[in-house]
Every structure is written in structure tokens, then in C-alpha cells.
C-alpha atoms as a PDB file:
ATOM      1  CA  MET A   1      92.025 130.226 102.462  1.00  0.00           C
ATOM      2  CA  LYS A   2      89.672 128.710  99.973  1.00  0.00           C
ATOM      3  CA  GLY A   3      89.412 131.837  97.822  1.00  0.00           C
ATOM      4  CA  VAL A   4      93.378 131.855  97.842  1.00  0.00           C
ATOM      5  CA  VAL A   5      93.301 128.269  96.691  1.00  0.00           C
ATOM      6  CA  ALA A   6      90.947 129.053  94.059  1.00  0.00           C
ATOM      7  CA  PHE A   7      92.915 132.046  92.559  1.00  0.00           C
ATOM      8  CA  LEU A   8      95.637 129.985  92.270  1.00  0.00           C
ATOM      9  CA  LEU A   9      93.660 127.197  90.431  1.00  0.00           C
ATOM     10  CA  VAL A  10      92.530 129.152  88.132  1.00  0.00           C
ATOM     11  CA  LEU A  11      96.411 130.587  86.952  1.00  0.00           C
ATOM     12  CA  CYS A  12      97.037 127.083  86.836  1.00  0.00           C
ATOM     13  CA  TYR A  13      94.276 126.659  84.301  1.00  0.00           C
ATOM     14  CA  LEU A  14      95.323 129.809  82.307  1.00  0.00           C
ATOM     15  CA  ALA A  15      98.467 128.472  82.091  1.00  0.00           C
ATOM     16  CA  ILE A  16      98.030 124.755  80.821  1.00  0.00           C
ATOM     17  CA  ASN A  17      94.922 125.637  78.817  1.00  0.00           C
ATOM     18  CA  ALA A  18      97.470 127.900  77.101  1.00  0.00           C
ATOM     19  CA  ALA A  19      99.338 124.832  76.445  1.00  0.00           C
ATOM     20  CA  ALA A  20      97.226 122.849  74.618  1.00  0.00           C
ATOM     21  CA  TRP A  21      95.763 121.054  78.081  1.00  0.00           C
ATOM     22  CA  THR A  22      92.066 122.001  79.096  1.00  0.00           C
ATOM     23  CA  CYS A  23      92.178 121.398  82.953  1.00  0.00           C
ATOM     24  CA  THR A  24      89.307 122.096  85.471  1.00  0.00           C
ATOM     25  CA  GLU A  25      89.746 121.532  89.655  1.00  0.00           C
ATOM     26  CA  ALA A  26      88.927 117.640  89.810  1.00  0.00           C
ATOM     27  CA  PRO A  27      85.887 116.052  92.350  1.00  0.00           C
ATOM     28  CA  ARG A  28      87.802 117.291  95.576  1.00  0.00           C
ATOM     29  CA  LEU A  29      89.259 115.170  98.107  1.00  0.00           C
ATOM     30  CA  ASN A  30      90.482 116.895 100.890  1.00  0.00           C
ATOM     31  CA  ASN A  31      94.190 116.140 101.293  1.00  0.00           C
ATOM     32  CA  ALA A  32      94.407 113.941  98.353  1.00  0.00           C
ATOM     33  CA  LEU A  33      97.945 112.260  98.455  1.00  0.00           C
ATOM     34  CA  GLN A  34      97.920 110.168  95.465  1.00  0.00           C
ATOM     35  CA  ILE A  35      95.654 109.169  92.321  1.00  0.00           C
ATOM     36  CA  ASP A  36      95.842 106.008  89.878  1.00  0.00           C
ATOM     37  CA  ALA A  37      93.655 105.959  86.990  1.00  0.00           C
ATOM     38  CA  GLY A  38      93.413 102.749  84.890  1.00  0.00           C
ATOM     39  CA  HIS A  39      91.202 100.110  82.623  1.00  0.00           C
ATOM     40  CA  GLY A  40      88.602 102.685  82.817  1.00  0.00           C
ATOM     41  CA  LYS A  41      88.327 103.229  86.821  1.00  0.00           C
ATOM     42  CA  VAL A  42      90.379 106.448  88.669  1.00  0.00           C
ATOM     43  CA  ILE A  43      91.278 105.405  92.490  1.00  0.00           C
ATOM     44  CA  ALA A  44      92.535 107.840  95.004  1.00  0.00           C
ATOM     45  CA  ARG A  45      94.038 108.149  98.833  1.00  0.00           C
ATOM     46  CA  ASP A  46      94.151 110.463 100.916  1.00  0.00           C
ATOM     47  CA  HIS A  47      96.750 110.151 104.729  1.00  0.00           C
ATOM     48  CA  SER A  48      94.383 106.524 105.288  1.00  0.00           C
ATOM     49  CA  TYR A  49      92.450 105.158 102.697  1.00  0.00           C
ATOM     50  CA  ALA A  50      91.367 104.843  99.225  1.00  0.00           C
ATOM     51  CA  TYR A  51      88.470 106.121  97.190  1.00  0.00           C
ATOM     52  CA  PHE A  52      86.822 105.153  94.041  1.00  0.00           C
ATOM     53  CA  LEU A  53      85.564 108.348  91.635  1.00  0.00           C
ATOM     54  CA  ALA A  54      81.766 107.677  90.546  1.00  0.00           C
ATOM     55  CA  GLY A  55      80.262 110.580  88.594  1.00  0.00           C
ATOM     56  CA  SER A  56      81.300 113.830  90.903  1.00  0.00           C
ATOM     57  CA  TYR A  57      81.694 112.019  93.907  1.00  0.00           C
ATOM     58  CA  TRP A  58      84.581 109.871  95.675  1.00  0.00           C
ATOM     59  CA  SER A  59      83.295 107.042  97.276  1.00  0.00           C
ATOM     60  CA  ARG A  60      85.342 105.044 100.404  1.00  0.00           C
ATOM     61  CA  MET A  61      86.603 102.305  99.467  1.00  0.00           C
ATOM     62  CA  GLY A  62      86.422 100.092 103.071  1.00  0.00           C
ATOM     63  CA  TYR A  63      88.313 100.815 106.143  1.00  0.00           C
ATOM     64  CA  THR A  64      91.519  99.481 105.206  1.00  0.00           C
ATOM     65  CA  ARG A  65      94.354 101.998 105.516  1.00  0.00           C
ATOM     66  CA  LEU A  66      96.548 102.337 102.544  1.00  0.00           C
ATOM     67  CA  LYS A  67      99.554 104.663 101.365  1.00  0.00           C
ATOM     68  CA  HIS A  68      99.438 103.004  97.955  1.00  0.00           C
ATOM     69  CA  VAL A  69      96.593 102.232  95.255  1.00  0.00           C
ATOM     70  CA  SER A  70      96.618 101.173  91.770  1.00  0.00           C
ATOM     71  CA  THR A  71      93.745  99.635  89.423  1.00  0.00           C
ATOM     72  CA  GLY A  72      94.486  98.036  86.261  1.00  0.00           C
ATOM     73  CA  PRO A  73      93.421  95.058  83.991  1.00  0.00           C
ATOM     74  CA  SER A  74      93.757  92.542  87.162  1.00  0.00           C
ATOM     75  CA  GLY A  75      91.933  94.638  89.530  1.00  0.00           C
ATOM     76  CA  ILE A  76      92.865  97.142  92.421  1.00  0.00           C
ATOM     77  CA  TRP A  77      95.191  96.336  94.622  1.00  0.00           C
ATOM     78  CA  GLY A  78      97.454  98.425  97.305  1.00  0.00           C
ATOM     79  CA  VAL A  79     100.192  98.620  99.841  1.00  0.00           C
ATOM     80  CA  GLY A  80      99.045  99.014 103.637  1.00  0.00           C
ATOM     81  CA  TYR A  81     100.931 100.875 106.228  1.00  0.00           C
ATOM     82  CA  ASN A  82     102.023  97.397 107.502  1.00  0.00           C
ATOM     83  CA  ASN A  83     103.846  97.061 103.654  1.00  0.00           C
ATOM     84  CA  LEU A  84     101.648  94.313 102.969  1.00  0.00           C
ATOM     85  CA  VAL A  85     100.227  93.746  99.940  1.00  0.00           C
ATOM     86  CA  TYR A  86      96.363  93.873  99.156  1.00  0.00           C
ATOM     87  CA  LYS A  87      93.559  92.990  96.886  1.00  0.00           C
ATOM     88  CA  TYR A  88      89.648  94.506  96.614  1.00  0.00           C
ATOM     89  CA  VAL A  89      87.927  91.473  96.451  1.00  0.00           C
ATOM     90  CA  ALA A  90      84.017  91.535  97.587  1.00  0.00           C
ATOM     91  CA  GLY A  91      83.818  95.229  98.484  1.00  0.00           C
ATOM     92  CA  ASP A  92      86.970  95.064 100.733  1.00  0.00           C
ATOM     93  CA  PHE A  93      90.994  94.968 100.199  1.00  0.00           C
ATOM     94  CA  ARG A  94      91.802  91.777 101.080  1.00  0.00           C
ATOM     95  CA  GLN A  95      95.625  91.264 102.764  1.00  0.00           C
ATOM     96  CA  SER A  96      97.815  88.728 101.163  1.00  0.00           C
ATOM     97  CA  SER A  97     100.837  87.636 102.597  1.00  0.00           C
ATOM     98  CA  GLY A  98     104.632  87.376 101.099  1.00  0.00           C
ATOM     99  CA  LEU A  99     106.926  90.501 100.675  1.00  0.00           C
ATOM    100  CA  SER A 100     106.910  93.446 102.116  1.00  0.00           C
ATOM    101  CA  MET A 101     105.488  96.508  99.585  1.00  0.00           C
ATOM    102  CA  LEU A 102     106.156  99.730  99.657  1.00  0.00           C
ATOM    103  CA  GLN A 103     104.676 100.610  96.069  1.00  0.00           C
ATOM    104  CA  VAL A 104     102.535  98.481  93.466  1.00  0.00           C
ATOM    105  CA  ASP A 105     101.385  98.572  89.984  1.00  0.00           C
ATOM    106  CA  ALA A 106      98.334  97.492  88.296  1.00  0.00           C
ATOM    107  CA  GLY A 107      98.431  98.593  85.189  1.00  0.00           C
ATOM    108  CA  GLY A 108     100.561  95.845  82.796  1.00  0.00           C
ATOM    109  CA  ASN A 109      99.037  93.268  80.804  1.00  0.00           C
ATOM    110  CA  ASP A 110      97.283  91.557  83.514  1.00  0.00           C
ATOM    111  CA  GLN A 111     100.380  91.656  86.003  1.00  0.00           C
ATOM    112  CA  VAL A 112     100.974  93.319  89.021  1.00  0.00           C
ATOM    113  CA  VAL A 113     104.586  95.186  89.700  1.00  0.00           C
ATOM    114  CA  GLY A 114     105.546  96.394  92.624  1.00  0.00           C
ATOM    115  CA  VAL A 115     108.701  97.660  94.441  1.00  0.00           C
ATOM    116  CA  ASN A 116     109.728  96.212  98.130  1.00  0.00           C
ATOM    117  CA  THR A 117     111.154  97.861 101.416  1.00  0.00           C
ATOM    118  CA  GLY A 118     114.545  96.633 100.120  1.00  0.00           C
ATOM    119  CA  TRP A 119     113.550  99.321  97.334  1.00  0.00           C
ATOM    120  CA  ASN A 120     114.107  96.271  94.658  1.00  0.00           C
ATOM    121  CA  ILE A 121     111.549  95.213  91.388  1.00  0.00           C
ATOM    122  CA  TYR A 122     108.889  92.299  91.378  1.00  0.00           C
ATOM    123  CA  CYS A 123     107.205  91.324  89.289  1.00  0.00           C
ATOM    124  CA  LEU A 124     103.708  88.797  89.827  1.00  0.00           C
ATOM    125  CA  LYS A 125     102.479  86.993  87.026  1.00  0.00           C
ATOM    126  CA  SER A 126      99.635  87.615  85.227  1.00  0.00           C
ATOM    127  CA  ALA A 127      97.509  84.182  85.732  1.00  0.00           C
ATOM    128  CA  SER A 128      98.483  84.485  89.958  1.00  0.00           C
ATOM    129  CA  ALA A 129      96.823  88.256  89.922  1.00  0.00           C
ATOM    130  CA  LEU A 130      93.979  87.706  88.410  1.00  0.00           C
ATOM    131  CA  ALA A 131      93.438  84.418  90.270  1.00  0.00           C
ATOM    132  CA  TYR A 132      93.629  86.066  93.898  1.00  0.00           C
ATOM    133  CA  ARG A 133      90.664  86.298  95.386  1.00  0.00           C
ATOM    134  CA  GLY A 134      92.292  87.389  98.770  1.00  0.00           C
ATOM    135  CA  ARG A 135      93.427  83.862 100.909  1.00  0.00           C
ATOM    136  CA  GLY A 136      96.965  82.889 100.928  1.00  0.00           C
ATOM    137  CA  SER A 137     100.339  84.073  99.715  1.00  0.00           C
ATOM    138  CA  LEU A 138     101.504  85.694  96.535  1.00  0.00           C
ATOM    139  CA  GLY A 139     104.583  84.469  94.349  1.00  0.00           C
ATOM    140  CA  TRP A 140     106.656  87.282  93.576  1.00  0.00           C
ATOM    141  CA  THR A 141     109.585  87.073  90.653  1.00  0.00           C
ATOM    142  CA  SER A 142     112.400  89.432  90.947  1.00  0.00           C
ATOM    143  CA  LEU A 143     113.471  91.664  88.596  1.00  0.00           C
ATOM    144  CA  SER A 144     116.643  92.033  89.519  1.00  0.00           C
ATOM    145  CA  ARG A 145     116.640  95.803  89.482  1.00  0.00           C
ATOM    146  CA  SER A 146     116.566  98.251  91.960  1.00  0.00           C
ATOM    147  CA  MET A 147     113.801 101.215  91.678  1.00  0.00           C
ATOM    148  CA  ARG A 148     112.084 103.989  94.201  1.00  0.00           C
ATOM    149  CA  TYR A 149     108.873 103.627  91.725  1.00  0.00           C
ATOM    150  CA  PHE A 150     107.860 101.198  88.816  1.00  0.00           C
ATOM    151  CA  SER A 151     105.114 101.260  86.372  1.00  0.00           C
ATOM    152  CA  CYS A 152     103.994  99.044  83.413  1.00  0.00           C
ATOM    153  CA  SER A 153     101.403  99.223  80.707  1.00  0.00           C
ATOM    154  CA  PRO A 154     100.037  96.509  78.242  1.00  0.00           C
ATOM    155  CA  HIS A 155     101.426  98.735  75.180  1.00  0.00           C
ATOM    156  CA  ASN A 156     105.297  99.711  74.988  1.00  0.00           C
ATOM    157  CA  GLY A 157     106.499  98.213  78.110  1.00  0.00           C
ATOM    158  CA  CYS A 158     107.349  99.312  81.342  1.00  0.00           C
ATOM    159  CA  TRP A 159     109.174 102.370  83.435  1.00  0.00           C
ATOM    160  CA  GLY A 160     111.226 103.200  86.875  1.00  0.00           C
ATOM    161  CA  VAL A 161     112.567 105.609  88.605  1.00  0.00           C
ATOM    162  CA  ASP A 162     115.490 104.314  91.039  1.00  0.00           C
ATOM    163  CA  ARG A 163     116.875 106.066  94.088  1.00  0.00           C
ATOM    164  CA  SER A 164     119.113 108.550  91.789  1.00  0.00           C
ATOM    165  CA  TYR A 165     116.027 109.810  90.140  1.00  0.00           C
ATOM    166  CA  ARG A 166     117.320 108.080  86.499  1.00  0.00           C
ATOM    167  CA  VAL A 167     114.887 107.124  84.588  1.00  0.00           C
ATOM    168  CA  TYR A 168     114.684 103.520  82.504  1.00  0.00           C
ATOM    169  CA  HIS A 169     112.167 101.936  80.214  1.00  0.00           C
ATOM    170  CA  ALA A 170     112.044  97.714  79.996  1.00  0.00           C
ATOM    171  CA  GLN A 171     109.829  95.151  78.821  1.00  0.00           C
ATOM    172  CA  VAL A 172     108.151  92.888  81.126  1.00  0.00           C
ATOM    173  CA  ASN A 173     106.336  89.330  80.134  1.00  0.00           C
ATOM    174  CA  PRO A 174     103.449  89.324  81.705  1.00  0.00           C
ATOM    175  CA  SER A 175     102.972  85.497  81.792  1.00  0.00           C
ATOM    176  CA  THR A 176     106.833  84.625  82.885  1.00  0.00           C
ATOM    177  CA  CYS A 177     107.488  87.830  84.279  1.00  0.00           C
ATOM    178  CA  SER A 178     111.045  87.804  82.732  1.00  0.00           C
ATOM    179  CA  SER A 179     112.420  90.992  81.741  1.00  0.00           C
ATOM    180  CA  SER A 180     114.487  92.601  78.907  1.00  0.00           C
ATOM    181  CA  GLY A 181     115.989  95.612  77.005  1.00  0.00           C
ATOM    182  CA  TRP A 182     116.690  97.914  79.740  1.00  0.00           C
ATOM    183  CA  ARG A 183     117.628 101.155  78.927  1.00  0.00           C
ATOM    184  CA  LEU A 184     118.599 104.349  80.995  1.00  0.00           C
ATOM    185  CA  VAL A 185     116.546 107.202  79.763  1.00  0.00           C
ATOM    186  CA  SER A 186     118.328 110.497  80.366  1.00  0.00           C
ATOM    187  CA  GLY A 187     117.758 114.500  80.540  1.00  0.00           C
ATOM    188  CA  ILE A 188     115.581 114.592  83.253  1.00  0.00           C
ATOM    189  CA  SER A 189     115.087 113.700  86.903  1.00  0.00           C
ATOM    190  CA  LEU A 190     112.011 112.299  88.339  1.00  0.00           C
ATOM    191  CA  LEU A 191     110.005 111.466  91.625  1.00  0.00           C
ATOM    192  CA  MET A 192     107.673 108.631  90.077  1.00  0.00           C
ATOM    193  CA  ILE A 193     106.536 108.022  86.323  1.00  0.00           C
ATOM    194  CA  GLU A 194     103.355 106.270  85.291  1.00  0.00           C
ATOM    195  CA  VAL A 195     102.296 104.638  82.131  1.00  0.00           C
ATOM    196  CA  GLY A 196      98.587 104.964  80.351  1.00  0.00           C
ATOM    197  CA  THR A 197      96.630 101.857  79.530  1.00  0.00           C
ATOM    198  CA  ASP A 198      97.688 103.305  75.883  1.00  0.00           C
ATOM    199  CA  GLY A 199     101.190 103.395  76.627  1.00  0.00           C
ATOM    200  CA  ARG A 200     101.450 107.350  77.053  1.00  0.00           C
ATOM    201  CA  ALA A 201     103.982 107.900  79.913  1.00  0.00           C
ATOM    202  CA  PHE A 202     103.804 110.920  82.494  1.00  0.00           C
ATOM    203  CA  GLY A 203     106.099 111.512  85.454  1.00  0.00           C
ATOM    204  CA  VAL A 204     106.625 114.086  88.484  1.00  0.00           C
ATOM    205  CA  THR A 205     110.204 115.696  88.275  1.00  0.00           C
ATOM    206  CA  THR A 206     112.328 116.295  91.312  1.00  0.00           C
ATOM    207  CA  ALA A 207     110.803 120.199  91.373  1.00  0.00           C
ATOM    208  CA  GLY A 208     107.260 119.233  90.875  1.00  0.00           C
ATOM    209  CA  LYS A 209     106.779 119.750  87.113  1.00  0.00           C
ATOM    210  CA  VAL A 210     105.076 117.808  85.070  1.00  0.00           C
ATOM    211  CA  VAL A 211     106.409 115.928  81.863  1.00  0.00           C
ATOM    212  CA  GLU A 212     105.335 113.613  79.523  1.00  0.00           C
ATOM    213  CA  ARG A 213     107.561 111.434  77.328  1.00  0.00           C
ATOM    214  CA  ALA A 214     107.131 112.582  73.738  1.00  0.00           C
ATOM    215  CA  GLY A 215     107.825 109.924  70.720  1.00  0.00           C
ATOM    216  CA  ILE A 216     106.991 106.733  72.255  1.00  0.00           C
ATOM    217  CA  SER A 217     105.996 104.613  69.259  1.00  0.00           C
ATOM    218  CA  SER A 218     106.635 100.639  68.713  1.00  0.00           C
ATOM    219  CA  ARG A 219     110.207 101.663  67.172  1.00  0.00           C
ATOM    220  CA  TYR A 220     110.866 104.014  69.759  1.00  0.00           C
ATOM    221  CA  PRO A 221     108.907 102.192  73.085  1.00  0.00           C
ATOM    222  CA  TYR A 222     110.977 104.578  75.273  1.00  0.00           C
ATOM    223  CA  GLY A 223     110.149 107.711  73.211  1.00  0.00           C
ATOM    224  CA  THR A 224     112.263 110.246  71.898  1.00  0.00           C
ATOM    225  CA  SER A 225     111.930 113.806  74.053  1.00  0.00           C
ATOM    226  CA  TRP A 226     110.405 114.901  77.208  1.00  0.00           C
ATOM    227  CA  VAL A 227     107.573 117.821  77.049  1.00  0.00           C
ATOM    228  CA  THR A 228     107.025 119.915  80.073  1.00  0.00           C
ATOM    229  CA  ILE A 229     103.213 120.274  81.058  1.00  0.00           C
ATOM    230  CA  PRO A 230     103.084 124.167  82.656  1.00  0.00           C
ATOM    231  CA  VAL A 231     101.523 124.274  85.567  1.00  0.00           C
ATOM    232  CA  CYS A 232     101.722 126.783  88.606  1.00  0.00           C
ATOM    233  CA  LEU A 233     101.582 124.713  91.525  1.00  0.00           C
ATOM    234  CA  ALA A 234     104.197 121.921  92.654  1.00  0.00           C
ATOM    235  CA  MET A 235     103.125 118.710  91.846  1.00  0.00           C
ATOM    236  CA  SER A 236     103.417 114.995  93.830  1.00  0.00           C
ATOM    237  CA  HIS A 237     101.596 112.693  91.744  1.00  0.00           C
ATOM    238  CA  VAL A 238      99.944 112.288  88.143  1.00  0.00           C
ATOM    239  CA  SER A 239      98.301 109.202  86.435  1.00  0.00           C
ATOM    240  CA  TYR A 240      96.869 109.049  82.797  1.00  0.00           C
ATOM    241  CA  ASP A 241      94.032 107.264  81.298  1.00  0.00           C
ATOM    242  CA  LEU A 242      91.903 107.392  78.169  1.00  0.00           C
ATOM    243  CA  GLY A 243      92.726 110.976  77.510  1.00  0.00           C
ATOM    244  CA  THR A 244      93.001 112.090  80.818  1.00  0.00           C
ATOM    245  CA  LEU A 245      95.618 113.322  83.120  1.00  0.00           C
ATOM    246  CA  TRP A 246      95.102 113.407  86.836  1.00  0.00           C
ATOM    247  CA  VAL A 247      97.533 115.297  89.021  1.00  0.00           C
ATOM    248  CA  VAL A 248      97.967 115.714  92.573  1.00  0.00           C
ATOM    249  CA  SER A 249      99.870 118.347  93.546  1.00  0.00           C
ATOM    250  CA  ARG A 250     102.058 118.804  96.428  1.00  0.00           C
ATOM    251  CA  GLY A 251      99.390 120.498  98.687  1.00  0.00           C
ATOM    252  CA  GLY A 252      96.890 118.131  98.102  1.00  0.00           C
ATOM    253  CA  PHE A 253      94.866 119.448  95.454  1.00  0.00           C
ATOM    254  CA  LEU A 254      93.670 117.322  92.061  1.00  0.00           C
ATOM    255  CA  MET A 255      93.475 118.855  88.561  1.00  0.00           C
ATOM    256  CA  ARG A 256      91.819 116.817  86.212  1.00  0.00           C
ATOM    257  CA  CYS A 257      93.424 117.877  82.305  1.00  0.00           C
ATOM    258  CA  LEU A 258      91.947 116.709  78.783  1.00  0.00           C
ATOM    259  CA  HIS A 259      94.719 117.715  75.785  1.00  0.00           C
END
């Protein structure tokens, strides 16, 4: 089985390298489900725990069972299988009280955003996100939109995918959590989308393909077109930071790509 996996990965490397992406197998984490890169850190999770990438090894981050993790300027955050939000403080994930969430994203300009169990998106103001040390409740602000996935960057705003797999772009003020400029970005159906610290946005389509939103600029923060990054395996999750694209296949394999 390992030989078959290695052969498939070689095919993937050749396909992506031909498209100006240089890809290698990332440090192996068995049965990986999700990866998140931000603020110079890379974290991932399997069916149970979160792990921190230190060089070429994954180190488990405590014993809290998590179903989503995110790292960014406001720290490392996660959602447990109990749907409660956690922040990584002093070597362990500290449970908060407040909303029940499905997904959180810490990649914005110090604010944290997320999707609650009712598929509505909320924002935690930057001052509260930075100050939280693992005690008390969190005061979330509703963004009055329904999404299945939401991600923000310090540059060029936030991106979301609704339950019909449509893609949206918006601006979210980190200090007030007010939102504006909501725009439907047509032409594709995505399962999820992540935006890097520099504002580049990557997503995974409903068919498992990896795409990038091209043409993002201060004039066009929502970009101008979708570009497919050819991969030979169906993918489930993607993240991008500091020029590196991290991809998780539906079979739980991790890949690291440089453009």
C-alpha cells in the first residue's frame, strides 16, 4: 500500500511541477484531515488532536480533541467536538464559554471569525481575541450572513463559502467587527476557501480540485479569475502562508508546494 501511495505522489509532483508549482510530500501525519498555516506557523489535525510543525516533525499540542484548528496573528484557536471554542494558552487549549461553533479562523488582522452550529458567521473583535487567556466567555458579533466556511486576512478582506457552495468576498473591520462590500464571486463551486496573510486566496472545489483566485489587488480585492492548480489526487483542504501552499488529500496525505 505504501508503494502505491508513493507512486501516486510522484505522479502528483510531476503534474504540479509542470504547472510551475514545485511540490513535495510534507512531513507525514497519518490520516490528516486539516492543515492551517499563518503568521509563520503551521498546524494540522487528525481525527483527534492538533499538531504543530517543528522542522520536519509534528508535535502534538495537548490532549484536547479538536475538529478544526487555526493559527494567525491573534494566536492559535480551535473548535472541539463539543462545538466549544478553544485558544492555545501556556501549552494547552483553554476552553471558552459562549457560542457553539463549527469552524474558526484566526488569520485576520487580530480578529477571529467563525461559523456557528446554525451556519451563521460571527466575529470576535481584535481586542478581545488578543486579550483572551482561557477564562470566561467570548463576546461574538454577528455578521448577519449564512456560510459553511469563512476566512480572513490582514490584506484584501475575507472570503466565505455558503451552504450552496457559492463564494463571497467582504471586508470586516477587525476592531468593530462591522462588515461591508459583500460580493458574490461567481464561476466556481467550493467546499472551502482559505486566504493567506498576504491576501492570496486558495480553495478546494466540490470535485476536489485546488484553485487560486487570480488578480487580487487593492483595486480588485475580490480578484478577477479562477486558476486551477493541477493535482492528480482529490483534495479536501488547503492553506497558504509565506509563499507555501499546504494541501490535504481526501486520503489524508499532506503536500507542500512552492510556486
